[in-house]
Protein backbone atom coordinates (compact mmCIF):
# COMPACT_ATOMS: atom_id res chain seq x y z
CA ASP A 1 -8.56 13.08 -15.19
CA ASP A 2 -8.66 15.11 -11.81
CA GLN A 3 -7.08 18.30 -12.87
CA ALA A 4 -7.06 21.35 -10.94
CA LEU A 5 -5.68 24.75 -11.14
CA VAL A 6 -3.36 25.10 -8.22
CA PRO A 7 -1.69 28.64 -8.21
CA PHE A 8 1.58 27.48 -6.42
CA PHE A 9 3.85 29.21 -9.24
CA ASP A 10 1.57 31.05 -11.65
CA ASP A 11 -2.11 31.61 -11.91
CA THR A 12 -2.43 29.46 -15.06
CA THR A 13 -0.59 26.16 -14.36
CA VAL A 14 -3.05 22.93 -14.35
CA TYR A 15 -2.27 19.73 -12.07
CA SER A 16 -3.19 16.48 -12.65
CA ARG A 17 -3.87 14.46 -9.36
CA THR A 18 -3.09 10.82 -9.98
CA VAL A 19 -3.13 9.56 -6.28
CA ALA A 20 -4.76 10.60 -2.88
CA ALA A 21 -3.03 9.28 0.43
CA ILE A 22 -4.09 8.91 4.37
CA TRP A 23 -1.56 8.50 6.60
CA TYR A 24 -3.18 7.30 10.10
CA LEU A 25 -1.76 9.00 13.22
CA THR A 26 -4.45 7.91 16.00
CA LYS A 27 -3.12 4.72 18.25
CA GLU A 28 -5.66 2.29 19.18
CA TRP A 29 -8.85 3.13 16.92
CA SER A 30 -11.79 0.85 16.60
CA GLU A 31 -14.18 0.03 13.96
CA ALA A 32 -17.08 1.44 16.64
CA GLU A 33 -15.47 4.75 16.73
CA GLY A 34 -15.92 5.48 13.27
CA GLY A 35 -13.88 7.15 10.58
CA SER A 36 -13.59 4.43 8.70
CA LEU A 37 -13.03 4.95 4.82
CA ILE A 38 -15.64 3.31 3.10
CA ASP A 39 -14.36 2.49 -0.54
CA LEU A 40 -17.46 3.11 -3.04
CA GLY A 41 -15.19 2.24 -6.24
CA ASP A 42 -16.05 -1.54 -5.99
CA GLN A 43 -19.92 -1.98 -7.75
CA VAL A 44 -20.66 -5.48 -6.03
CA LYS A 45 -19.88 -4.52 -2.23
CA GLU A 46 -18.21 -1.58 -0.09
CA LYS A 47 -15.05 -2.21 1.50
CA GLN A 48 -14.57 -0.20 4.60
CA LEU A 49 -11.27 -0.07 6.22
CA VAL A 50 -10.80 1.17 10.02
CA PRO A 51 -7.62 3.65 10.72
CA ILE A 52 -4.50 1.76 11.98
CA TYR A 53 -1.90 3.55 13.51
CA ASN A 54 0.85 4.33 11.30
CA SER A 55 -0.56 2.66 7.80
CA LEU A 56 -0.76 4.61 4.84
CA VAL A 57 -3.84 3.90 2.33
CA VAL A 58 -3.25 5.31 -1.16
CA PHE A 59 -5.78 4.96 -4.53
CA GLU A 60 -6.30 6.63 -7.54
CA VAL A 61 -8.11 9.74 -8.08
CA PRO A 62 -10.86 9.91 -9.26
CA HIS A 63 -12.50 7.06 -6.72
CA TRP A 64 -15.91 7.55 -5.36
CA HIS A 65 -15.03 7.23 -1.28
CA ALA A 66 -16.10 7.95 1.76
CA VAL A 67 -15.52 8.31 5.62
CA SER A 68 -17.91 7.21 8.08
CA ALA A 69 -19.21 9.66 10.86
CA VAL A 70 -16.40 9.84 14.18
CA THR A 71 -18.76 8.57 17.20
CA SER A 72 -15.83 8.74 19.60
CA GLU A 73 -15.22 11.57 22.08
CA ARG A 74 -11.36 11.54 21.31
CA TRP A 75 -9.55 13.13 18.20
CA ARG A 76 -9.16 11.11 15.05
CA TYR A 77 -5.38 12.48 13.42
CA SER A 78 -4.43 12.09 10.01
CA ILE A 79 -2.66 13.28 7.26
CA PHE A 80 -3.86 13.65 3.46
CA GLY A 81 -3.15 14.88 0.36
CA TRP A 82 -3.28 14.43 -3.95
């Protein structure tokens, strides 16, 4: 369980996070520009997801993952949360 103390309404409430989401907002992004989501949850083979414009990636938490370094000179926009 990925619990966190989140003082939105009071100082004692503990919420459990169940999913995380990333909404990609940059048009025409390529793998060569970096910023790919790397799924480390599969012990056999890593999976890389290149950001695709207006796509939403949702995964259960906790879940091992990383993001590759952005090598592009332009900004990569996304909204994320859990």
